[in-house]
């Protein structure tokens, strides 16, 4: 691999990745601002109540979306490329109709079962009110995701990601209003109001941006056909949900709301390094697909090598900083958060290993190996569930951190081994490790 080729690939990643990084950074900053506001003003227990109710919302949203967000992105992108605005409108309207039915039914289900979940599953009677409030946020949240998916299909990345920054920002404003006034606005109530406001804003923005008002929608697929086509995507989304949120649920079942709040804060801090990986993933997908279609193993190897090397040097200082000063970092959220320092260090190590293996998941999905990758993440999810159930009741949030980090390491190392067997090069970057010669990208 030539030095000049590596520099060219790195320059491309810095230029394109910088744009994606800026968009995603804005969303993460507002999420940290929300966590900070709740932690400092209301305490870790209030943050834990919100996290548990939001986790339930996320799970139901995946079921309510039925994978239609990913399918809609694909259909809108294809229709846009073919210059068929009527197909864009048809796919969008069909998705809205399906999710309107599914989200309303799931909202009713959550409202009816809120007391049971709070008392029997989580053993926290006070959580019932938060769950009932969140049931009203479910449909708006699903509609926001459908609009965001449509924007993504139109290649409007701001429209795709902006809601992740706006909702927490609105919620912070409501928390401040409630804190400094006689109004009793909990984080869950603030989130519900924020979802309604953002849903309205997204509806207006989509109507103005898409310019489809005068376009006559021609139904190309029925609601049933579209729902059946999207279901496999929902299954994949459910597995990723388990990987990202099962620890919060298990802590909520076996431990206290206080510990949920402590763990969620540590998890979000440790995940800050992942923003660079997410930015790289956003631009590497099409690149991997292009090189694979050309059967250009050399360029594919250069691309993964350059991105992983960049990730190593970008995330190493952050990881070392967390490992050296975990209590000091957590103290910004409140003195009581310092007891989550061990969990923070474990999570940071897990995220670092995730980074130095590179965009391995995107690589497998973009090169026709999505089925083996789904099996890998299924095993990782099972690992997370088993370890959480075993460790959390015994050692609390430290156990959850061990389970999360272990599952992440299993997922990424297994994916890297699969890449090595299929392509003949390592996706892992460590100084001093020489890369073997790449095999054909079409090897089976």
Protein backbone atom coordinates (compact mmCIF):
# COMPACT_ATOMS: atom_id res chain seq x y z
CA UNK A 1 0.00 0.00 0.00
CA UNK A 2 1.63 3.29 -1.07
CA UNK A 3 2.02 6.18 1.31
CA UNK A 4 0.59 8.53 -1.31
CA UNK A 5 -2.52 6.37 -1.64
CA UNK A 6 -3.05 6.35 2.11
CA UNK A 7 -2.71 10.14 2.29
CA UNK A 8 -5.27 10.59 -0.50
CA UNK A 9 -7.73 8.26 1.21
CA UNK A 10 -7.19 10.01 4.56
CA UNK A 11 -7.73 13.43 2.97
CA UNK A 12 -11.04 12.25 1.52
CA UNK A 13 -12.16 10.89 4.89
CA UNK A 14 -11.23 14.09 6.72
CA UNK A 15 -13.08 16.27 4.20
CA UNK A 16 -16.27 14.22 3.93
CA UNK A 17 -16.16 12.88 7.47
CA UNK A 18 -15.87 16.40 8.84
CA UNK A 19 -19.28 17.30 7.44
CA UNK A 20 -20.93 14.19 8.86
CA UNK A 21 -19.09 14.68 12.14
CA UNK A 22 -20.38 18.26 12.49
CA UNK A 23 -23.98 17.19 11.95
CA UNK A 24 -23.78 14.32 14.43
CA UNK A 25 -21.80 16.35 16.97
CA UNK A 26 -24.60 18.89 17.22
CA UNK A 27 -27.06 16.16 18.12
CA UNK A 28 -24.77 14.63 20.73
CA UNK A 29 -24.05 18.02 22.33
CA UNK A 30 -27.75 18.70 22.92
CA UNK A 31 -28.18 15.19 24.34
CA UNK A 32 -25.33 15.81 26.79
CA UNK A 33 -26.88 19.16 27.64
CA UNK A 34 -30.14 17.40 28.45
CA UNK A 35 -28.42 14.81 30.67
CA UNK A 36 -26.49 17.57 32.44
CA UNK A 37 -29.63 19.65 33.04
CA UNK A 38 -31.63 16.72 34.45
CA UNK A 39 -28.71 15.45 36.54
CA UNK A 40 -27.89 18.83 38.08
CA UNK A 41 -31.45 20.09 38.59
CA UNK A 42 -33.44 16.93 39.29
CA UNK A 43 -30.84 14.30 40.22
CA UNK A 44 -29.84 10.86 38.90
CA UNK A 45 -33.11 9.20 40.02
CA UNK A 46 -35.15 11.53 37.79
CA UNK A 47 -32.74 10.82 34.96
CA UNK A 48 -33.19 7.10 35.61
CA UNK A 49 -37.00 7.36 35.42
CA UNK A 50 -36.73 9.17 32.11
CA UNK A 51 -34.18 6.68 30.74
CA UNK A 52 -36.38 3.68 31.58
CA UNK A 53 -39.53 5.21 30.08
CA UNK A 54 -37.56 6.38 27.01
CA UNK A 55 -36.12 2.87 26.57
CA UNK A 56 -39.66 1.44 26.51
CA UNK A 57 -40.61 4.16 23.99
CA UNK A 58 -37.66 3.22 21.76
CA UNK A 59 -38.62 -0.46 21.80
CA UNK A 60 -42.24 0.27 20.89
CA UNK A 61 -41.11 2.75 18.23
CA UNK A 62 -39.11 -0.01 16.51
CA UNK A 63 -42.24 -2.18 16.49
CA UNK A 64 -44.39 0.74 15.36
CA UNK A 65 -42.05 1.63 12.49
CA UNK A 66 -42.03 -2.00 11.28
CA UNK A 67 -38.74 -1.29 9.48
CA UNK A 68 -40.55 1.20 7.22
CA UNK A 69 -38.06 3.97 7.98
CA UNK A 70 -35.25 2.03 6.25
CA UNK A 71 -37.51 0.81 3.45
CA UNK A 72 -38.84 4.33 2.83
CA UNK A 73 -35.28 5.68 2.56
CA UNK A 74 -34.53 3.09 -0.11
CA UNK A 75 -37.73 3.70 -2.06
CA UNK A 76 -37.42 7.49 -1.95
CA UNK A 77 -33.78 7.33 -3.10
CA UNK A 78 -34.69 5.01 -6.00
CA UNK A 79 -37.67 7.15 -7.04
CA UNK A 80 -35.59 10.32 -6.85
CA UNK A 81 -32.88 8.78 -9.03
CA UNK A 82 -35.54 7.73 -11.56
CA UNK A 83 -37.19 11.18 -11.40
CA UNK A 84 -40.55 9.75 -10.30
CA UNK A 85 -41.97 12.15 -7.66
CA UNK A 86 -45.30 10.30 -7.72
CA UNK A 87 -43.52 7.19 -6.36
CA UNK A 88 -41.93 9.27 -3.59
CA UNK A 89 -45.33 10.58 -2.54
CA UNK A 90 -46.92 7.13 -2.75
CA UNK A 91 -44.23 5.49 -0.60
CA UNK A 92 -44.37 8.30 1.95
CA UNK A 93 -48.17 8.29 2.28
CA UNK A 94 -48.30 4.49 2.52
CA UNK A 95 -45.67 4.54 5.27
CA UNK A 96 -47.59 7.20 7.20
CA UNK A 97 -50.83 5.19 6.94
CA UNK A 98 -49.23 1.97 8.22
CA UNK A 99 -47.35 3.61 11.08
CA UNK A 100 -50.40 5.64 12.10
CA UNK A 101 -52.25 2.39 12.77
CA UNK A 102 -49.34 0.56 14.43
CA UNK A 103 -48.24 3.47 16.65
CA UNK A 104 -51.75 4.25 17.90
CA UNK A 105 -52.35 0.59 18.76
CA UNK A 106 -49.00 0.38 20.58
CA UNK A 107 -49.74 3.64 22.42
CA UNK A 108 -53.00 2.18 23.70
CA UNK A 109 -51.16 -1.01 24.69
CA UNK A 110 -48.57 0.98 26.66
CA UNK A 111 -51.25 3.02 28.42
CA UNK A 112 -53.19 -0.09 29.46
CA UNK A 113 -50.11 -2.01 30.61
CA UNK A 114 -48.24 0.91 32.26
CA UNK A 115 -49.26 -0.10 35.80
CA UNK A 116 -48.30 -3.73 35.19
CA UNK A 117 -44.90 -2.78 33.75
CA UNK A 118 -44.18 -0.35 36.59
CA UNK A 119 -45.29 -2.65 39.43
CA UNK A 120 -44.56 -6.17 38.20
CA UNK A 121 -41.73 -5.87 35.66
CA UNK A 122 -39.70 -2.93 37.01
CA UNK A 123 -40.98 -3.00 40.61
CA UNK A 124 -41.21 0.79 40.58
CA UNK A 125 -44.81 2.02 41.05
CA UNK A 126 -43.83 5.66 40.45
CA UNK A 127 -42.71 4.74 36.90
CA UNK A 128 -46.34 4.21 35.84
CA UNK A 129 -46.99 7.94 35.41
CA UNK A 130 -43.89 8.36 33.22
CA UNK A 131 -44.89 5.43 31.00
CA UNK A 132 -48.42 6.81 30.55
CA UNK A 133 -47.00 10.19 29.54
CA UNK A 134 -44.62 8.52 27.09
CA UNK A 135 -47.48 6.66 25.40
CA UNK A 136 -48.65 10.03 24.02
CA UNK A 137 -45.17 10.66 22.62
CA UNK A 138 -45.02 7.38 20.71
CA UNK A 139 -47.02 8.31 17.59
CA UNK A 140 -45.29 11.71 17.13
CA UNK A 141 -41.90 10.04 17.61
CA UNK A 142 -42.71 7.43 14.95
CA UNK A 143 -43.94 10.10 12.51
CA UNK A 144 -40.75 12.10 13.07
CA UNK A 145 -38.68 9.04 12.16
CA UNK A 146 -40.73 8.49 9.00
CA UNK A 147 -40.15 12.11 7.94
CA UNK A 148 -36.44 11.80 8.77
CA UNK A 149 -36.20 8.65 6.65
CA UNK A 150 -37.81 10.49 3.73
CA UNK A 151 -35.27 13.31 4.07
CA UNK A 152 -32.48 10.71 4.11
CA UNK A 153 -33.79 9.20 0.90
CA UNK A 154 -33.64 12.67 -0.67
CA UNK A 155 -29.99 12.87 0.54
CA UNK A 156 -30.83 15.71 2.91
CA UNK A 157 -28.70 14.71 5.91
CA UNK A 158 -29.69 17.76 7.94
CA UNK A 159 -33.34 16.80 7.73
CA UNK A 160 -32.41 13.22 8.56
CA UNK A 161 -30.53 14.00 11.78
CA UNK A 162 -31.77 17.39 13.00
CA UNK A 163 -34.57 16.04 15.19
CA UNK A 164 -32.00 14.27 17.37
CA UNK A 165 -30.65 17.68 18.31
CA UNK A 166 -33.92 19.62 18.46
CA UNK A 167 -35.92 17.31 20.75
CA UNK A 168 -33.36 17.30 23.61
CA UNK A 169 -32.92 21.06 23.20
CA UNK A 170 -36.65 21.69 23.50
CA UNK A 171 -36.80 19.35 26.46
CA UNK A 172 -34.03 21.25 28.25
CA UNK A 173 -36.03 24.43 27.75
CA UNK A 174 -39.11 22.83 29.34
CA UNK A 175 -37.02 21.51 32.25
CA UNK A 176 -35.71 25.02 32.90
CA UNK A 177 -39.25 26.43 32.73
CA UNK A 178 -40.51 23.82 35.18
CA UNK A 179 -37.55 24.24 37.52
CA UNK A 180 -37.77 28.02 37.77
CA UNK A 181 -41.58 28.26 37.82
CA UNK A 182 -44.53 26.70 39.60
CA UNK A 183 -45.13 24.34 36.68
CA UNK A 184 -44.45 20.65 37.30
CA UNK A 185 -42.74 19.59 34.06
CA UNK A 186 -40.95 16.26 34.31
CA UNK A 187 -38.40 15.18 31.67
CA UNK A 188 -40.96 12.71 30.25
CA UNK A 189 -43.66 15.41 29.97
CA UNK A 190 -41.13 17.76 28.38
CA UNK A 191 -40.15 15.05 25.92
CA UNK A 192 -43.76 14.38 24.96
CA UNK A 193 -44.43 18.08 24.27
CA UNK A 194 -41.15 18.34 22.35
CA UNK A 195 -42.12 15.40 20.12
CA UNK A 196 -45.41 17.05 19.18
CA UNK A 197 -43.67 20.32 18.34
CA UNK A 198 -40.95 18.66 16.27
CA UNK A 199 -43.51 16.49 14.48
CA UNK A 200 -45.34 19.64 13.35
CA UNK A 201 -42.08 21.30 12.28
CA UNK A 202 -41.02 18.23 10.30
CA UNK A 203 -44.39 18.01 8.58
CA UNK A 204 -44.12 21.64 7.46
CA UNK A 205 -40.47 21.23 6.43
CA UNK A 206 -41.20 18.08 4.38
CA UNK A 207 -44.12 19.68 2.56
CA UNK A 208 -42.00 22.69 1.64
CA UNK A 209 -38.87 20.74 0.74
CA UNK A 210 -40.40 17.85 -1.21
CA UNK A 211 -42.73 20.04 -3.31
CA UNK A 212 -45.11 17.12 -3.74
CA UNK A 213 -48.38 18.93 -3.00
CA UNK A 214 -49.48 18.98 -6.62
CA UNK A 215 -48.10 15.55 -7.46
CA UNK A 216 -50.67 12.80 -7.87
CA UNK A 217 -49.65 9.73 -5.87
CA UNK A 218 -49.89 6.47 -7.82
CA UNK A 219 -50.06 3.43 -5.54
CA UNK A 220 -47.26 1.12 -6.62
CA UNK A 221 -47.43 -1.24 -3.62
CA UNK A 222 -50.23 -1.97 -1.18
CA UNK A 223 -49.95 -1.36 2.55
CA UNK A 224 -49.71 -5.11 3.10
CA UNK A 225 -46.93 -5.59 0.54
CA UNK A 226 -44.91 -2.70 1.93
CA UNK A 227 -45.29 -3.89 5.51
CA UNK A 228 -44.17 -7.42 4.60
CA UNK A 229 -41.18 -6.05 2.70
CA UNK A 230 -40.08 -3.96 5.67
CA UNK A 231 -40.41 -6.61 8.41
CA UNK A 232 -36.89 -8.10 7.98
CA UNK A 233 -35.48 -4.60 8.51
CA UNK A 234 -37.47 -4.32 11.75
CA UNK A 235 -35.89 -7.56 12.97
CA UNK A 236 -32.39 -6.17 12.38
CA UNK A 237 -33.37 -2.95 14.15
CA UNK A 238 -34.68 -4.97 17.10
CA UNK A 239 -31.35 -6.78 17.46
CA UNK A 240 -29.47 -3.48 17.51
CA UNK A 241 -31.94 -2.18 20.10
CA UNK A 242 -31.09 -5.14 22.34
CA UNK A 243 -27.39 -4.41 21.95
CA UNK A 244 -27.80 -0.72 22.82
CA UNK A 245 -30.58 -0.71 25.42
CA UNK A 246 -30.86 -4.10 27.14
CA UNK A 247 -28.51 -3.00 29.93
CA UNK A 248 -30.82 -0.12 30.88
CA UNK A 249 -33.81 -2.45 30.97
CA UNK A 250 -32.06 -5.07 33.11
CA UNK A 251 -30.76 -2.44 35.53
CA UNK A 252 -34.32 -1.07 35.71
CA UNK A 253 -35.71 -4.51 36.53
CA UNK A 254 -33.14 -5.60 39.11
CA UNK A 255 -31.78 -2.34 40.51
CA UNK A 256 -32.92 1.24 41.28
CA UNK A 257 -33.80 4.24 39.12
CA UNK A 258 -30.80 5.98 40.66
CA UNK A 259 -28.48 3.33 39.19
CA UNK A 260 -30.19 3.59 35.80
CA UNK A 261 -29.42 7.32 35.79
CA UNK A 262 -25.82 6.77 36.86
CA UNK A 263 -25.23 4.10 34.23
CA UNK A 264 -26.89 6.03 31.41
CA UNK A 265 -24.67 9.03 32.12
CA UNK A 266 -21.52 6.88 32.09
CA UNK A 267 -22.69 5.18 28.88
CA UNK A 268 -23.26 8.51 27.09
CA UNK A 269 -19.87 9.87 28.16
CA UNK A 270 -18.06 6.73 26.99
CA UNK A 271 -19.98 6.83 23.70
CA UNK A 272 -18.61 10.27 22.82
CA UNK A 273 -15.68 8.62 21.03
CA UNK A 274 -18.15 6.70 18.86
CA UNK A 275 -19.22 9.93 17.16
CA UNK A 276 -16.09 9.75 15.00
CA UNK A 277 -16.90 6.16 14.02
CA UNK A 278 -20.48 7.14 13.16
CA UNK A 279 -19.22 9.97 10.97
CA UNK A 280 -16.81 7.63 9.16
CA UNK A 281 -19.59 5.04 8.73
CA UNK A 282 -21.86 7.66 7.16
CA UNK A 283 -19.45 8.17 4.25
CA UNK A 284 -17.75 4.78 4.00
CA UNK A 285 -20.85 2.78 3.03
CA UNK A 286 -21.12 4.02 -0.59
CA UNK A 287 -17.33 3.88 -0.93
CA UNK A 288 -17.16 0.23 0.12
CA UNK A 289 -20.05 -0.66 -2.20
CA UNK A 290 -18.36 1.07 -5.14
CA UNK A 291 -14.98 -0.64 -4.65
CA UNK A 292 -16.63 -4.02 -4.12
CA UNK A 293 -18.69 -3.68 -7.32
CA UNK A 294 -15.44 -2.94 -9.17
CA UNK A 295 -13.76 -5.95 -7.52
CA UNK A 296 -11.01 -3.57 -6.46
CA UNK A 297 -9.53 -5.25 -3.39
CA UNK A 298 -6.62 -2.83 -3.25
CA UNK A 299 -8.79 0.28 -2.90
CA UNK A 300 -11.10 -1.48 -0.45
CA UNK A 301 -8.10 -2.36 1.70
CA UNK A 302 -6.73 1.20 1.53
CA UNK A 303 -10.10 2.65 2.51
CA UNK A 304 -10.59 0.44 5.56
CA UNK A 305 -6.93 0.80 6.58
CA UNK A 306 -6.97 4.62 6.38
CA UNK A 307 -10.25 4.99 8.26
CA UNK A 308 -9.26 2.56 11.02
CA UNK A 309 -5.88 4.22 11.47
CA UNK A 310 -7.60 7.57 11.77
CA UNK A 311 -10.05 6.15 14.31
CA UNK A 312 -7.21 4.72 16.40
CA UNK A 313 -5.37 8.01 16.79
CA UNK A 314 -8.58 10.03 17.20
CA UNK A 315 -10.06 7.87 19.97
CA UNK A 316 -6.90 6.86 21.86
CA UNK A 317 -6.42 10.24 23.64
CA UNK A 318 -10.10 10.36 24.64
CA UNK A 319 -9.98 6.80 26.00
CA UNK A 320 -6.81 7.49 27.99
CA UNK A 321 -8.37 10.67 29.39
CA UNK A 322 -11.37 8.70 30.66
CA UNK A 323 -9.18 5.97 32.15
CA UNK A 324 -7.04 8.55 34.00
CA UNK A 325 -9.79 10.90 35.23
CA UNK A 326 -13.13 9.03 35.40
CA UNK A 327 -14.32 10.47 38.73
CA UNK A 328 -13.38 14.03 37.77
CA UNK A 329 -15.34 13.74 34.50
CA UNK A 330 -18.42 12.34 36.24
CA UNK A 331 -18.29 14.99 38.98
CA UNK A 332 -19.50 17.59 36.47
CA UNK A 333 -22.91 15.90 36.59
CA UNK A 334 -22.95 15.78 40.39
CA UNK A 335 -20.92 14.28 43.24
CA UNK A 336 -23.14 11.17 43.41
CA UNK A 337 -22.23 10.27 39.81
CA UNK A 338 -18.61 9.51 40.78
CA UNK A 339 -19.54 5.98 41.89
CA UNK A 340 -20.08 5.12 38.21
CA UNK A 341 -16.34 5.61 37.49
CA UNK A 342 -15.56 1.88 37.16
CA UNK A 343 -18.46 1.39 34.73
CA UNK A 344 -17.27 4.41 32.73
CA UNK A 345 -13.75 3.00 32.34
CA UNK A 346 -15.04 -0.42 31.24
CA UNK A 347 -17.39 1.15 28.69
CA UNK A 348 -14.58 3.36 27.37
CA UNK A 349 -12.38 0.31 26.71
CA UNK A 350 -15.26 -1.40 24.90
CA UNK A 351 -15.80 1.64 22.69
CA UNK A 352 -12.08 1.92 21.94
CA UNK A 353 -11.95 -1.68 20.70
CA UNK A 354 -15.08 -0.92 18.68
CA UNK A 355 -13.23 1.99 17.04
CA UNK A 356 -9.94 0.23 16.24
CA UNK A 357 -11.79 -2.54 14.38
CA UNK A 358 -13.12 0.16 12.04
CA UNK A 359 -16.28 0.29 9.95
CA UNK A 360 -16.38 -3.48 9.81
CA UNK A 361 -20.17 -3.80 10.05
CA UNK A 362 -20.74 -1.36 7.19
CA UNK A 363 -18.07 -3.18 5.17
CA UNK A 364 -19.87 -6.52 5.49
CA UNK A 365 -23.28 -5.05 4.72
CA UNK A 366 -22.04 -3.16 1.65
CA UNK A 367 -20.23 -6.17 0.21
CA UNK A 368 -23.09 -8.69 0.27
CA UNK A 369 -22.28 -10.33 3.61
CA UNK A 370 -25.22 -8.93 5.57
CA UNK A 371 -26.60 -12.37 6.53
CA UNK A 372 -23.42 -13.52 8.32
CA UNK A 373 -23.22 -10.09 9.94
CA UNK A 374 -26.79 -10.43 11.23
CA UNK A 375 -25.84 -13.77 12.78
CA UNK A 376 -22.83 -12.14 14.44
CA UNK A 377 -24.86 -9.33 15.99
CA UNK A 378 -27.49 -11.87 17.07
CA UNK A 379 -24.79 -13.76 19.01
CA UNK A 380 -23.53 -10.46 20.44
CA UNK A 381 -27.05 -9.55 21.56
CA UNK A 382 -27.47 -12.96 23.20
CA UNK A 383 -24.14 -12.47 24.98
CA UNK A 384 -25.32 -9.09 26.28
CA UNK A 385 -28.63 -10.49 27.55
CA UNK A 386 -27.03 -13.45 29.35
CA UNK A 387 -24.25 -11.42 30.96
CA UNK A 388 -26.62 -8.62 32.01
CA UNK A 389 -28.99 -11.08 33.69
CA UNK A 390 -26.12 -12.79 35.48
CA UNK A 391 -24.05 -9.77 36.49
CA UNK A 392 -26.45 -6.86 37.08
CA UNK A 393 -28.28 -8.40 40.09
CA UNK A 394 -24.90 -9.15 41.69
CA UNK A 395 -22.68 -6.15 40.93
CA UNK A 396 -25.06 -3.55 39.52
CA UNK A 397 -23.94 -1.04 36.89
CA UNK A 398 -20.40 -2.45 36.79
CA UNK A 399 -21.93 -5.73 35.63
CA UNK A 400 -23.95 -3.92 32.97
CA UNK A 401 -20.78 -2.22 31.73
CA UNK A 402 -18.95 -5.57 31.55
CA UNK A 403 -21.87 -7.08 29.60
CA UNK A 404 -22.08 -4.15 27.18
CA UNK A 405 -18.33 -3.99 26.55
CA UNK A 406 -18.05 -7.77 26.14
CA UNK A 407 -20.92 -7.91 23.63
CA UNK A 408 -19.37 -5.06 21.65
CA UNK A 409 -15.97 -6.78 21.62
CA UNK A 410 -17.55 -10.09 20.54
CA UNK A 411 -19.43 -8.36 17.72
CA UNK A 412 -16.44 -6.46 16.36
CA UNK A 413 -13.75 -9.11 16.74
CA UNK A 414 -15.99 -11.76 15.17
CA UNK A 415 -16.74 -9.38 12.29
CA UNK A 416 -13.03 -8.62 11.87
CA UNK A 417 -12.19 -12.34 11.76
CA UNK A 418 -14.88 -12.87 9.12
CA UNK A 419 -13.49 -9.98 7.05
CA UNK A 420 -9.99 -11.46 7.28
CA UNK A 421 -11.22 -14.87 6.09
CA UNK A 422 -13.24 -13.42 3.19
CA UNK A 423 -11.04 -10.53 2.04
CA UNK A 424 -7.59 -11.44 3.33
CA UNK A 425 -6.86 -8.21 5.24
CA UNK A 426 -7.28 -7.01 8.82
CA UNK A 427 -9.84 -4.34 9.62
CA UNK A 428 -8.07 -3.82 12.97
CA UNK A 429 -5.39 -1.15 13.23
CA UNK A 430 -2.63 -1.35 15.83
CA UNK A 431 0.77 0.32 15.35
CA UNK A 432 3.34 -2.23 14.19
CA UNK A 433 0.89 -4.78 12.76
CA UNK A 434 1.56 -5.36 9.07
CA UNK A 435 -1.35 -5.83 6.73
CA UNK A 436 -1.46 -9.05 4.66
CA UNK A 437 -2.14 -8.84 0.95
CA UNK A 438 -5.85 -8.38 0.19
CA UNK A 439 -7.80 -11.15 -1.49
CA UNK A 440 -10.48 -10.62 -4.13
CA UNK A 441 -13.50 -8.75 -2.79
CA UNK A 442 -15.74 -11.31 -4.45
CA UNK A 443 -14.31 -14.24 -2.55
CA UNK A 444 -16.92 -16.49 -0.94
